[in-house]
Amino acid sequence: MGQFWFDWIKGRINTLSEVVYQFLARIALLVVWSPYMLILLVPAVYDGLMTWRIKRTNFDYASPIIHSYGIRSIGYLFLAFCVVSFSPFAVSPLVIPVVMMIACILIGFAIGNFQKRV
């Protein structure tokens, strides 16, 4: 009886250690890609700011719907990344940079559609 329990607990501990290893590997991949995402994030933020300033000076419509969808989508991407980071199944290494690129673009859209403050 004891041998069964010890084997089962050993299997659970091994599974937990694999999940922790995969999580740390995915976080390491995120950290490795972070400096390269600045190349996309800085122009996206700059474009968003310039678009917002242009919309402030003329009578373009700053869409609160696009702004809220951008902010929500960034939150959902972050939540999905957290869930996928702890998932025990294999995830392609291209998922992390693609998610980060989409987040950079959504940040630019969200900044470009801030409400006007004149």
PDB file of N, CA and C in Angstrom:
ATOM      1  N   MET A   1       0.820  -1.202   0.000  1.00  0.00           N
ATOM      2  CA  MET A   1       0.000   0.000   0.000  1.00  0.00           C
ATOM      3  C   MET A   1       0.863   1.264   0.000  1.00  0.00           C
ATOM      4  N   GLY A   2       1.922   1.266   0.837  1.00  0.00           N
ATOM      5  CA  GLY A   2       2.783   2.438   0.928  1.00  0.00           C
ATOM      6  C   GLY A   2       3.542   2.699  -0.359  1.00  0.00           C
ATOM      7  N   GLN A   3       3.940   1.633  -1.047  1.00  0.00           N
ATOM      8  CA  GLN A   3       4.692   1.797  -2.292  1.00  0.00           C
ATOM      9  C   GLN A   3       3.850   2.518  -3.347  1.00  0.00           C
ATOM     10  N   PHE A   4       2.551   2.204  -3.399  1.00  0.00           N
ATOM     11  CA  PHE A   4       1.654   2.867  -4.347  1.00  0.00           C
ATOM     12  C   PHE A   4       1.605   4.371  -4.085  1.00  0.00           C
ATOM     13  N   TRP A   5       1.447   4.740  -2.808  1.00  0.00           N
ATOM     14  CA  TRP A   5       1.351   6.157  -2.478  1.00  0.00           C
ATOM     15  C   TRP A   5       2.648   6.890  -2.768  1.00  0.00           C
ATOM     16  N   PHE A   6       3.769   6.259  -2.442  1.00  0.00           N
ATOM     17  CA  PHE A   6       5.048   6.915  -2.696  1.00  0.00           C
ATOM     18  C   PHE A   6       5.299   7.089  -4.190  1.00  0.00           C
ATOM     19  N   ASP A   7       4.925   6.097  -4.979  1.00  0.00           N
ATOM     20  CA  ASP A   7       5.069   6.235  -6.432  1.00  0.00           C
ATOM     21  C   ASP A   7       4.169   7.344  -6.972  1.00  0.00           C
ATOM     22  N   TRP A   8       2.949   7.395  -6.465  1.00  0.00           N
ATOM     23  CA  TRP A   8       2.005   8.420  -6.919  1.00  0.00           C
ATOM     24  C   TRP A   8       2.502   9.816  -6.535  1.00  0.00           C
ATOM     25  N   ILE A   9       2.960   9.981  -5.295  1.00  0.00           N
ATOM     26  CA  ILE A   9       3.451  11.284  -4.837  1.00  0.00           C
ATOM     27  C   ILE A   9       4.711  11.677  -5.607  1.00  0.00           C
ATOM     28  N   LYS A  10       5.578  10.704  -5.883  1.00  0.00           N
ATOM     29  CA  LYS A  10       6.778  10.984  -6.666  1.00  0.00           C
ATOM     30  C   LYS A  10       6.402  11.479  -8.067  1.00  0.00           C
ATOM     31  N   GLY A  11       5.394  10.869  -8.668  1.00  0.00           N
ATOM     32  CA  GLY A  11       4.916  11.315  -9.976  1.00  0.00           C
ATOM     33  C   GLY A  11       4.362  12.726  -9.932  1.00  0.00           C
ATOM     34  N   ARG A  12       3.606  13.063  -8.879  1.00  0.00           N
ATOM     35  CA  ARG A  12       3.050  14.413  -8.743  1.00  0.00           C
ATOM     36  C   ARG A  12       4.158  15.444  -8.536  1.00  0.00           C
ATOM     37  N   ILE A  13       5.167  15.092  -7.750  1.00  0.00           N
ATOM     38  CA  ILE A  13       6.283  16.015  -7.527  1.00  0.00           C
ATOM     39  C   ILE A  13       7.054  16.232  -8.823  1.00  0.00           C
ATOM     40  N   ASN A  14       7.260  15.171  -9.594  1.00  0.00           N
ATOM     41  CA  ASN A  14       7.940  15.309 -10.886  1.00  0.00           C
ATOM     42  C   ASN A  14       7.132  16.175 -11.847  1.00  0.00           C
ATOM     43  N   THR A  15       5.823  15.994 -11.846  1.00  0.00           N
ATOM     44  CA  THR A  15       4.961  16.804 -12.707  1.00  0.00           C
ATOM     45  C   THR A  15       5.012  18.274 -12.301  1.00  0.00           C
ATOM     46  N   LEU A  16       4.952  18.530 -10.998  1.00  0.00           N
ATOM     47  CA  LEU A  16       5.031  19.905 -10.515  1.00  0.00           C
ATOM     48  C   LEU A  16       6.373  20.537 -10.877  1.00  0.00           C
ATOM     49  N   SER A  17       7.443  19.782 -10.739  1.00  0.00           N
ATOM     50  CA  SER A  17       8.756  20.334 -11.088  1.00  0.00           C
ATOM     51  C   SER A  17       8.854  20.611 -12.590  1.00  0.00           C
ATOM     52  N   GLU A  18       8.217  19.785 -13.428  1.00  0.00           N
ATOM     53  CA  GLU A  18       8.196  20.045 -14.876  1.00  0.00           C
ATOM     54  C   GLU A  18       7.415  21.315 -15.201  1.00  0.00           C
ATOM     55  N   VAL A  19       6.287  21.520 -14.520  1.00  0.00           N
ATOM     56  CA  VAL A  19       5.490  22.729 -14.752  1.00  0.00           C
ATOM     57  C   VAL A  19       6.279  23.965 -14.336  1.00  0.00           C
ATOM     58  N   VAL A  20       6.959  23.899 -13.199  1.00  0.00           N
ATOM     59  CA  VAL A  20       7.778  25.030 -12.750  1.00  0.00           C
ATOM     60  C   VAL A  20       8.913  25.283 -13.741  1.00  0.00           C
ATOM     61  N   TYR A  21       9.533  24.219 -14.238  1.00  0.00           N
ATOM     62  CA  TYR A  21      10.604  24.369 -15.226  1.00  0.00           C
ATOM     63  C   TYR A  21      10.083  25.027 -16.503  1.00  0.00           C
ATOM     64  N   GLN A  22       8.936  24.580 -16.999  1.00  0.00           N
ATOM     65  CA  GLN A  22       8.367  25.176 -18.211  1.00  0.00           C
ATOM     66  C   GLN A  22       8.014  26.644 -17.988  1.00  0.00           C
ATOM     67  N   PHE A  23       7.472  26.961 -16.815  1.00  0.00           N
ATOM     68  CA  PHE A  23       7.143  28.348 -16.499  1.00  0.00           C
ATOM     69  C   PHE A  23       8.399  29.215 -16.515  1.00  0.00           C
ATOM     70  N   LEU A  24       9.451  28.747 -15.870  1.00  0.00           N
ATOM     71  CA  LEU A  24      10.687  29.522 -15.827  1.00  0.00           C
ATOM     72  C   LEU A  24      11.323  29.642 -17.212  1.00  0.00           C
ATOM     73  N   ALA A  25      11.213  28.595 -18.021  1.00  0.00           N
ATOM     74  CA  ALA A  25      11.747  28.660 -19.385  1.00  0.00           C
ATOM     75  C   ALA A  25      10.972  29.684 -20.212  1.00  0.00           C
ATOM     76  N   ARG A  26       9.665  29.743 -20.035  1.00  0.00           N
ATOM     77  CA  ARG A  26       8.861  30.714 -20.787  1.00  0.00           C
ATOM     78  C   ARG A  26       9.127  32.135 -20.313  1.00  0.00           C
ATOM     79  N   ILE A  27       9.324  32.318 -19.024  1.00  0.00           N
ATOM     80  CA  ILE A  27       9.674  33.644 -18.512  1.00  0.00           C
ATOM     81  C   ILE A  27      11.052  34.061 -19.027  1.00  0.00           C
ATOM     82  N   ALA A  28      11.991  33.114 -19.083  1.00  0.00           N
ATOM     83  CA  ALA A  28      13.322  33.423 -19.619  1.00  0.00           C
ATOM     84  C   ALA A  28      13.226  33.831 -21.086  1.00  0.00           C
ATOM     85  N   LEU A  29      12.373  33.159 -21.842  1.00  0.00           N
ATOM     86  CA  LEU A  29      12.184  33.525 -23.248  1.00  0.00           C
ATOM     87  C   LEU A  29      11.569  34.921 -23.361  1.00  0.00           C
ATOM     88  N   LEU A  30      10.651  35.236 -22.461  1.00  0.00           N
ATOM     89  CA  LEU A  30      10.061  36.575 -22.433  1.00  0.00           C
ATOM     90  C   LEU A  30      11.125  37.628 -22.138  1.00  0.00           C
ATOM     91  N   VAL A  31      11.995  37.347 -21.193  1.00  0.00           N
ATOM     92  CA  VAL A  31      13.054  38.294 -20.841  1.00  0.00           C
ATOM     93  C   VAL A  31      14.037  38.462 -21.997  1.00  0.00           C
ATOM     94  N   VAL A  32      14.329  37.377 -22.701  1.00  0.00           N
ATOM     95  CA  VAL A  32      15.249  37.461 -23.837  1.00  0.00           C
ATOM     96  C   VAL A  32      14.654  38.319 -24.953  1.00  0.00           C
ATOM     97  N   TRP A  33      13.356  38.207 -25.195  1.00  0.00           N
ATOM     98  CA  TRP A  33      12.713  38.962 -26.274  1.00  0.00           C
ATOM     99  C   TRP A  33      12.400  40.407 -25.890  1.00  0.00           C
ATOM    100  N   SER A  34      12.392  40.740 -24.612  1.00  0.00           N
ATOM    101  CA  SER A  34      11.982  42.080 -24.176  1.00  0.00           C
ATOM    102  C   SER A  34      12.795  43.217 -24.796  1.00  0.00           C
ATOM    103  N   PRO A  35      14.127  43.146 -24.856  1.00  0.00           N
ATOM    104  CA  PRO A  35      14.850  44.275 -25.478  1.00  0.00           C
ATOM    105  C   PRO A  35      14.508  44.470 -26.951  1.00  0.00           C
ATOM    106  N   TYR A  36      14.230  43.385 -27.644  1.00  0.00           N
ATOM    107  CA  TYR A  36      13.891  43.504 -29.063  1.00  0.00           C
ATOM    108  C   TYR A  36      12.492  44.088 -29.261  1.00  0.00           C
ATOM    109  N   MET A  37      11.631  43.902 -28.274  1.00  0.00           N
ATOM    110  CA  MET A  37      10.291  44.461 -28.392  1.00  0.00           C
ATOM    111  C   MET A  37      10.298  45.967 -28.197  1.00  0.00           C
ATOM    112  N   LEU A  38      11.348  46.506 -27.584  1.00  0.00           N
ATOM    113  CA  LEU A  38      11.459  47.964 -27.487  1.00  0.00           C
ATOM    114  C   LEU A  38      11.556  48.597 -28.865  1.00  0.00           C
ATOM    115  N   ILE A  39      12.142  47.860 -29.807  1.00  0.00           N
ATOM    116  CA  ILE A  39      12.246  48.360 -31.180  1.00  0.00           C
ATOM    117  C   ILE A  39      10.858  48.573 -31.776  1.00  0.00           C
ATOM    118  N   LEU A  40       9.892  47.797 -31.368  1.00  0.00           N
ATOM    119  CA  LEU A  40       8.519  47.960 -31.842  1.00  0.00           C
ATOM    120  C   LEU A  40       7.688  48.823 -30.897  1.00  0.00           C
ATOM    121  N   LEU A  41       7.957  48.745 -29.599  1.00  0.00           N
ATOM    122  CA  LEU A  41       7.156  49.480 -28.623  1.00  0.00           C
ATOM    123  C   LEU A  41       7.374  50.990 -28.720  1.00  0.00           C
ATOM    124  N   VAL A  42       8.607  51.418 -28.838  1.00  0.00           N
ATOM    125  CA  VAL A  42       8.897  52.860 -28.883  1.00  0.00           C
ATOM    126  C   VAL A  42       8.229  53.529 -30.088  1.00  0.00           C
ATOM    127  N   PRO A  43       8.350  52.987 -31.319  1.00  0.00           N
ATOM    128  CA  PRO A  43       7.629  53.621 -32.432  1.00  0.00           C
ATOM    129  C   PRO A  43       6.106  53.543 -32.292  1.00  0.00           C
ATOM    130  N   ALA A  44       5.600  52.455 -31.693  1.00  0.00           N
ATOM    131  CA  ALA A  44       4.147  52.345 -31.522  1.00  0.00           C
ATOM    132  C   ALA A  44       3.642  53.407 -30.553  1.00  0.00           C
ATOM    133  N   VAL A  45       4.361  53.618 -29.460  1.00  0.00           N
ATOM    134  CA  VAL A  45       3.962  54.652 -28.498  1.00  0.00           C
ATOM    135  C   VAL A  45       4.101  56.038 -29.125  1.00  0.00           C
ATOM    136  N   TYR A  46       5.184  56.269 -29.847  1.00  0.00           N
ATOM    137  CA  TYR A  46       5.382  57.565 -30.508  1.00  0.00           C
ATOM    138  C   TYR A  46       4.281  57.830 -31.533  1.00  0.00           C
ATOM    139  N   ASP A  47       3.958  56.820 -32.334  1.00  0.00           N
ATOM    140  CA  ASP A  47       2.885  56.977 -33.318  1.00  0.00           C
ATOM    141  C   ASP A  47       1.553  57.227 -32.625  1.00  0.00           C
ATOM    142  N   GLY A  48       1.304  56.516 -31.532  1.00  0.00           N
ATOM    143  CA  GLY A  48       0.069  56.742 -30.791  1.00  0.00           C
ATOM    144  C   GLY A  48      -0.014  58.149 -30.237  1.00  0.00           C
ATOM    145  N   LEU A  49       1.090  58.647 -29.686  1.00  0.00           N
ATOM    146  CA  LEU A  49       1.099  60.015 -29.158  1.00  0.00           C
ATOM    147  C   LEU A  49       0.902  61.048 -30.258  1.00  0.00           C
ATOM    148  N   MET A  50       1.573  60.865 -31.384  1.00  0.00           N
ATOM    149  CA  MET A  50       1.425  61.822 -32.484  1.00  0.00           C
ATOM    150  C   MET A  50       0.014  61.776 -33.063  1.00  0.00           C
ATOM    151  N   THR A  51      -0.552  60.585 -33.178  1.00  0.00           N
ATOM    152  CA  THR A  51      -1.934  60.474 -33.654  1.00  0.00           C
ATOM    153  C   THR A  51      -2.883  61.164 -32.691  1.00  0.00           C
ATOM    154  N   TRP A  52      -2.649  60.998 -31.396  1.00  0.00           N
ATOM    155  CA  TRP A  52      -3.496  61.623 -30.385  1.00  0.00           C
ATOM    156  C   TRP A  52      -3.380  63.142 -30.456  1.00  0.00           C
ATOM    157  N   ARG A  53      -2.156  63.647 -30.631  1.00  0.00           N
ATOM    158  CA  ARG A  53      -1.979  65.100 -30.725  1.00  0.00           C
ATOM    159  C   ARG A  53      -2.609  65.664 -31.989  1.00  0.00           C
ATOM    160  N   ILE A  54      -2.525  64.930 -33.087  1.00  0.00           N
ATOM    161  CA  ILE A  54      -3.174  65.384 -34.323  1.00  0.00           C
ATOM    162  C   ILE A  54      -4.685  65.413 -34.131  1.00  0.00           C
ATOM    163  N   LYS A  55      -5.224  64.400 -33.476  1.00  0.00           N
ATOM    164  CA  LYS A  55      -6.674  64.374 -33.238  1.00  0.00           C
ATOM    165  C   LYS A  55      -7.102  65.486 -32.298  1.00  0.00           C
ATOM    166  N   ARG A  56      -6.208  65.937 -31.427  1.00  0.00           N
ATOM    167  CA  ARG A  56      -6.538  67.048 -30.536  1.00  0.00           C
ATOM    168  C   ARG A  56      -6.617  68.365 -31.284  1.00  0.00           C
ATOM    169  N   THR A  57      -5.745  68.558 -32.279  1.00  0.00           N
ATOM    170  CA  THR A  57      -5.691  69.862 -32.944  1.00  0.00           C
ATOM    171  C   THR A  57      -6.760  70.035 -34.006  1.00  0.00           C
ATOM    172  N   ASN A  58      -7.129  68.968 -34.699  1.00  0.00           N
ATOM    173  CA  ASN A  58      -8.230  69.095 -35.648  1.00  0.00           C
ATOM    174  C   ASN A  58      -9.438  68.366 -35.063  1.00  0.00           C
ATOM    175  N   PHE A  59     -10.422  68.167 -35.806  1.00  0.00           N
ATOM    176  CA  PHE A  59     -11.657  67.630 -35.260  1.00  0.00           C
ATOM    177  C   PHE A  59     -11.839  66.152 -35.574  1.00  0.00           C
ATOM    178  N   ASP A  60     -10.735  65.394 -35.561  1.00  0.00           N
ATOM    179  CA  ASP A  60     -10.848  63.943 -35.737  1.00  0.00           C
ATOM    180  C   ASP A  60     -11.488  63.330 -34.499  1.00  0.00           C
ATOM    181  N   TYR A  61     -12.093  62.183 -34.714  1.00  0.00           N
ATOM    182  CA  TYR A  61     -12.809  61.504 -33.643  1.00  0.00           C
ATOM    183  C   TYR A  61     -11.870  60.535 -32.936  1.00  0.00           C
ATOM    184  N   ALA A  62     -11.672  60.734 -31.649  1.00  0.00           N
ATOM    185  CA  ALA A  62     -10.906  59.791 -30.832  1.00  0.00           C
ATOM    186  C   ALA A  62     -11.893  58.758 -30.301  1.00  0.00           C
ATOM    187  N   SER A  63     -11.830  57.571 -30.842  1.00  0.00           N
ATOM    188  CA  SER A  63     -12.830  56.556 -30.544  1.00  0.00           C
ATOM    189  C   SER A  63     -12.612  55.930 -29.168  1.00  0.00           C
ATOM    190  N   PRO A  64     -13.577  56.100 -28.267  1.00  0.00           N
ATOM    191  CA  PRO A  64     -13.450  55.433 -26.969  1.00  0.00           C
ATOM    192  C   PRO A  64     -13.609  53.917 -27.096  1.00  0.00           C
ATOM    193  N   ILE A  65     -14.267  53.471 -28.153  1.00  0.00           N
ATOM    194  CA  ILE A  65     -14.444  52.029 -28.359  1.00  0.00           C
ATOM    195  C   ILE A  65     -13.109  51.388 -28.716  1.00  0.00           C
ATOM    196  N   ILE A  66     -12.364  51.998 -29.643  1.00  0.00           N
ATOM    197  CA  ILE A  66     -11.050  51.455 -30.010  1.00  0.00           C
ATOM    198  C   ILE A  66     -10.108  51.518 -28.812  1.00  0.00           C
ATOM    199  N   HIS A  67     -10.186  52.604 -28.047  1.00  0.00           N
ATOM    200  CA  HIS A  67      -9.339  52.727 -26.864  1.00  0.00           C
ATOM    201  C   HIS A  67      -9.652  51.628 -25.849  1.00  0.00           C
ATOM    202  N   SER A  68     -10.926  51.431 -25.562  1.00  0.00           N
ATOM    203  CA  SER A  68     -11.282  50.408 -24.566  1.00  0.00           C
ATOM    204  C   SER A  68     -10.991  49.003 -25.079  1.00  0.00           C
ATOM    205  N   TYR A  69     -11.212  48.756 -26.374  1.00  0.00           N
ATOM    206  CA  TYR A  69     -10.868  47.442 -26.930  1.00  0.00           C
ATOM    207  C   TYR A  69      -9.369  47.192 -26.872  1.00  0.00           C
ATOM    208  N   GLY A  70      -8.576  48.227 -27.120  1.00  0.00           N
ATOM    209  CA  GLY A  70      -7.128  48.080 -27.035  1.00  0.00           C
ATOM    210  C   GLY A  70      -6.674  47.744 -25.625  1.00  0.00           C
ATOM    211  N   ILE A  71      -7.198  48.473 -24.649  1.00  0.00           N
ATOM    212  CA  ILE A  71      -6.827  48.222 -23.252  1.00  0.00           C
ATOM    213  C   ILE A  71      -7.303  46.844 -22.809  1.00  0.00           C
ATOM    214  N   ARG A  72      -8.534  46.487 -23.155  1.00  0.00           N
ATOM    215  CA  ARG A  72      -9.048  45.158 -22.784  1.00  0.00           C
ATOM    216  C   ARG A  72      -8.252  44.045 -23.447  1.00  0.00           C
ATOM    217  N   SER A  73      -7.918  44.237 -24.715  1.00  0.00           N
ATOM    218  CA  SER A  73      -7.167  43.200 -25.431  1.00  0.00           C
ATOM    219  C   SER A  73      -5.786  43.001 -24.824  1.00  0.00           C
ATOM    220  N   ILE A  74      -5.151  44.077 -24.399  1.00  0.00           N
ATOM    221  CA  ILE A  74      -3.857  43.949 -23.730  1.00  0.00           C
ATOM    222  C   ILE A  74      -4.026  43.164 -22.433  1.00  0.00           C
ATOM    223  N   GLY A  75      -5.076  43.455 -21.691  1.00  0.00           N
ATOM    224  CA  GLY A  75      -5.342  42.703 -20.457  1.00  0.00           C
ATOM    225  C   GLY A  75      -5.614  41.238 -20.723  1.00  0.00           C
ATOM    226  N   TYR A  76      -6.393  40.954 -21.771  1.00  0.00           N
ATOM    227  CA  TYR A  76      -6.676  39.556 -22.112  1.00  0.00           C
ATOM    228  C   TYR A  76      -5.425  38.830 -22.585  1.00  0.00           C
ATOM    229  N   LEU A  77      -4.578  39.526 -23.347  1.00  0.00           N
ATOM    230  CA  LEU A  77      -3.310  38.913 -23.771  1.00  0.00           C
ATOM    231  C   LEU A  77      -2.430  38.594 -22.566  1.00  0.00           C
ATOM    232  N   PHE A  78      -2.374  39.511 -21.608  1.00  0.00           N
ATOM    233  CA  PHE A  78      -1.586  39.269 -20.398  1.00  0.00           C
ATOM    234  C   PHE A  78      -2.153  38.092 -19.612  1.00  0.00           C
ATOM    235  N   LEU A  79      -3.470  38.036 -19.480  1.00  0.00           N
ATOM    236  CA  LEU A  79      -4.107  36.926 -18.769  1.00  0.00           C
ATOM    237  C   LEU A  79      -3.871  35.606 -19.489  1.00  0.00           C
ATOM    238  N   ALA A  80      -4.003  35.612 -20.806  1.00  0.00           N
ATOM    239  CA  ALA A  80      -3.761  34.389 -21.580  1.00  0.00           C
ATOM    240  C   ALA A  80      -2.306  33.954 -21.470  1.00  0.00           C
ATOM    241  N   PHE A  81      -1.386  34.924 -21.459  1.00  0.00           N
ATOM    242  CA  PHE A  81       0.025  34.569 -21.303  1.00  0.00           C
ATOM    243  C   PHE A  81       0.280  33.936 -19.942  1.00  0.00           C
ATOM    244  N   CYS A  82      -0.347  34.469 -18.901  1.00  0.00           N
ATOM    245  CA  CYS A  82      -0.178  33.880 -17.565  1.00  0.00           C
ATOM    246  C   CYS A  82      -0.732  32.465 -17.514  1.00  0.00           C
ATOM    247  N   VAL A  83      -1.883  32.241 -18.126  1.00  0.00           N
ATOM    248  CA  VAL A  83      -2.478  30.901 -18.130  1.00  0.00           C
ATOM    249  C   VAL A  83      -1.614  29.938 -18.933  1.00  0.00           C
ATOM    250  N   VAL A  84      -1.157  30.370 -20.107  1.00  0.00           N
ATOM    251  CA  VAL A  84      -0.339  29.501 -20.956  1.00  0.00           C
ATOM    252  C   VAL A  84       1.018  29.233 -20.311  1.00  0.00           C
ATOM    253  N   SER A  85       1.529  30.196 -19.543  1.00  0.00           N
ATOM    254  CA  SER A  85       2.822  29.986 -18.893  1.00  0.00           C
ATOM    255  C   SER A  85       2.779  28.843 -17.889  1.00  0.00           C
ATOM    256  N   PHE A  86       1.647  28.653 -17.241  1.00  0.00           N
ATOM    257  CA  PHE A  86       1.517  27.579 -16.263  1.00  0.00           C
ATOM    258  C   PHE A  86       0.938  26.302 -16.853  1.00  0.00           C
ATOM    259  N   SER A  87       0.600  26.313 -18.121  1.00  0.00           N
ATOM    260  CA  SER A  87       0.003  25.120 -18.718  1.00  0.00           C
ATOM    261  C   SER A  87       1.071  24.063 -18.974  1.00  0.00           C
ATOM    262  N   PRO A  88       0.716  22.802 -18.802  1.00  0.00           N
ATOM    263  CA  PRO A  88       1.716  21.737 -18.950  1.00  0.00           C
ATOM    264  C   PRO A  88       1.929  21.268 -20.383  1.00  0.00           C
ATOM    265  N   PHE A  89       1.229  21.844 -21.358  1.00  0.00           N
ATOM    266  CA  PHE A  89       1.402  21.379 -22.730  1.00  0.00           C
ATOM    267  C   PHE A  89       2.407  22.251 -23.476  1.00  0.00           C
ATOM    268  N   ALA A  90       2.914  21.709 -24.566  1.00  0.00           N
ATOM    269  CA  ALA A  90       3.957  22.393 -25.335  1.00  0.00           C
ATOM    270  C   ALA A  90       3.381  23.603 -26.066  1.00  0.00           C
ATOM    271  N   VAL A  91       4.114  24.685 -26.020  1.00  0.00           N
ATOM    272  CA  VAL A  91       3.734  25.920 -26.697  1.00  0.00           C
ATOM    273  C   VAL A  91       4.891  26.312 -27.610  1.00  0.00           C
ATOM    274  N   SER A  92       4.561  26.709 -28.812  1.00  0.00           N
ATOM    275  CA  SER A  92       5.588  27.113 -29.768  1.00  0.00           C
ATOM    276  C   SER A  92       6.369  28.317 -29.236  1.00  0.00           C
ATOM    277  N   PRO A  93       7.668  28.346 -29.436  1.00  0.00           N
ATOM    278  CA  PRO A  93       8.453  29.499 -28.977  1.00  0.00           C
ATOM    279  C   PRO A  93       8.090  30.796 -29.700  1.00  0.00           C
ATOM    280  N   LEU A  94       7.395  30.710 -30.820  1.00  0.00           N
ATOM    281  CA  LEU A  94       6.996  31.913 -31.546  1.00  0.00           C
ATOM    282  C   LEU A  94       5.790  32.605 -30.927  1.00  0.00           C
ATOM    283  N   VAL A  95       5.116  31.944 -29.994  1.00  0.00           N
ATOM    284  CA  VAL A  95       3.926  32.537 -29.388  1.00  0.00           C
ATOM    285  C   VAL A  95       4.291  33.788 -28.597  1.00  0.00           C
ATOM    286  N   ILE A  96       5.366  33.739 -27.843  1.00  0.00           N
ATOM    287  CA  ILE A  96       5.728  34.868 -26.981  1.00  0.00           C
ATOM    288  C   ILE A  96       6.056  36.122 -27.789  1.00  0.00           C
ATOM    289  N   PRO A  97       6.924  36.064 -28.809  1.00  0.00           N
ATOM    290  CA  PRO A  97       7.172  37.303 -29.556  1.00  0.00           C
ATOM    291  C   PRO A  97       5.950  37.801 -30.321  1.00  0.00           C
ATOM    292  N   VAL A  98       5.123  36.899 -30.813  1.00  0.00           N
ATOM    293  CA  VAL A  98       3.916  37.330 -31.530  1.00  0.00           C
ATOM    294  C   VAL A  98       2.967  38.046 -30.578  1.00  0.00           C
ATOM    295  N   VAL A  99       2.787  37.507 -29.377  1.00  0.00           N
ATOM    296  CA  VAL A  99       1.916  38.149 -28.385  1.00  0.00           C
ATOM    297  C   VAL A  99       2.482  39.509 -27.991  1.00  0.00           C
ATOM    298  N   MET A 100       3.793  39.587 -27.835  1.00  0.00           N
ATOM    299  CA  MET A 100       4.404  40.868 -27.478  1.00  0.00           C
ATOM    300  C   MET A 100       4.262  41.889 -28.606  1.00  0.00           C
ATOM    301  N   MET A 101       4.374  41.448 -29.859  1.00  0.00           N
ATOM    302  CA  MET A 101       4.191  42.363 -30.991  1.00  0.00           C
ATOM    303  C   MET A 101       2.756  42.871 -31.052  1.00  0.00           C
ATOM    304  N   ILE A 102       1.809  41.976 -30.855  1.00  0.00           N
ATOM    305  CA  ILE A 102       0.399  42.384 -30.866  1.00  0.00           C
ATOM    306  C   ILE A 102       0.129  43.361 -29.730  1.00  0.00           C
ATOM    307  N   ALA A 103       0.712  43.113 -28.553  1.00  0.00           N
ATOM    308  CA  ALA A 103       0.526  44.024 -27.421  1.00  0.00           C
ATOM    309  C   ALA A 103       1.106  45.401 -27.728  1.00  0.00           C
ATOM    310  N   CYS A 104       2.254  45.464 -28.383  1.00  0.00           N
ATOM    311  CA  CYS A 104       2.849  46.759 -28.747  1.00  0.00           C
ATOM    312  C   CYS A 104       1.937  47.532 -29.691  1.00  0.00           C
ATOM    313  N   ILE A 105       1.390  46.847 -30.667  1.00  0.00           N
ATOM    314  CA  ILE A 105       0.494  47.500 -31.623  1.00  0.00           C
ATOM    315  C   ILE A 105      -0.781  47.973 -30.931  1.00  0.00           C
ATOM    316  N   LEU A 106      -1.326  47.159 -30.035  1.00  0.00           N
ATOM    317  CA  LEU A 106      -2.531  47.555 -29.304  1.00  0.00           C
ATOM    318  C   LEU A 106      -2.262  48.737 -28.379  1.00  0.00           C
ATOM    319  N   ILE A 107      -1.072  48.808 -27.807  1.00  0.00           N
ATOM    320  CA  ILE A 107      -0.719  49.963 -26.979  1.00  0.00           C
ATOM    321  C   ILE A 107      -0.716  51.230 -27.833  1.00  0.00           C
ATOM    322  N   GLY A 108      -0.179  51.136 -29.045  1.00  0.00           N
ATOM    323  CA  GLY A 108      -0.199  52.289 -29.951  1.00  0.00           C
ATOM    324  C   GLY A 108      -1.614  52.719 -30.299  1.00  0.00           C
ATOM    325  N   PHE A 109      -2.494  51.752 -30.576  1.00  0.00           N
ATOM    326  CA  PHE A 109      -3.895  52.086 -30.864  1.00  0.00           C
ATOM    327  C   PHE A 109      -4.570  52.721 -29.657  1.00  0.00           C
ATOM    328  N   ALA A 110      -4.319  52.181 -28.477  1.00  0.00           N
ATOM    329  CA  ALA A 110      -4.957  52.714 -27.273  1.00  0.00           C
ATOM    330  C   ALA A 110      -4.486  54.134 -26.987  1.00  0.00           C
ATOM    331  N   ILE A 111      -3.199  54.387 -27.145  1.00  0.00           N
ATOM    332  CA  ILE A 111      -2.683  55.741 -26.905  1.00  0.00           C
ATOM    333  C   ILE A 111      -3.209  56.708 -27.962  1.00  0.00           C
ATOM    334  N   GLY A 112      -3.311  56.263 -29.193  1.00  0.00           N
ATOM    335  CA  GLY A 112      -3.798  57.130 -30.264  1.00  0.00           C
ATOM    336  C   GLY A 112      -5.262  57.500 -30.128  1.00  0.00           C
ATOM    337  N   ASN A 113      -5.995  56.769 -29.314  1.00  0.00           N
ATOM    338  CA  ASN A 113      -7.424  57.047 -29.162  1.00  0.00           C
ATOM    339  C   ASN A 113      -7.792  57.472 -27.749  1.00  0.00           C
ATOM    340  N   PHE A 114      -6.825  58.056 -27.018  1.00  0.00           N
ATOM    341  CA  PHE A 114      -7.173  58.694 -25.755  1.00  0.00           C
ATOM    342  C   PHE A 114      -8.192  59.787 -26.037  1.00  0.00           C
ATOM    343  N   GLN A 115      -8.977  60.110 -25.040  1.00  0.00           N
ATOM    344  CA  GLN A 115      -9.912  61.206 -25.217  1.00  0.00           C
ATOM    345  C   GLN A 115      -9.150  62.528 -25.263  1.00  0.00           C
ATOM    346  N   LYS A 116      -9.707  63.473 -26.008  1.00  0.00           N
ATOM    347  CA  LYS A 116      -9.051  64.775 -26.176  1.00  0.00           C
ATOM    348  C   LYS A 116      -9.095  65.546 -24.864  1.00  0.00           C
ATOM    349  N   ARG A 117      -7.956  66.141 -24.531  1.00  0.00           N
ATOM    350  CA  ARG A 117      -7.877  67.035 -23.383  1.00  0.00           C
ATOM    351  C   ARG A 117      -7.186  68.304 -23.879  1.00  0.00           C
ATOM    352  N   VAL A 118      -7.983  69.305 -24.141  1.00  0.00           N
ATOM    353  CA  VAL A 118      -7.432  70.539 -24.711  1.00  0.00           C
ATOM    354  C   VAL A 118      -7.231  71.561 -23.617  1.00  0.00           C
TER     355      VAL A 118
END
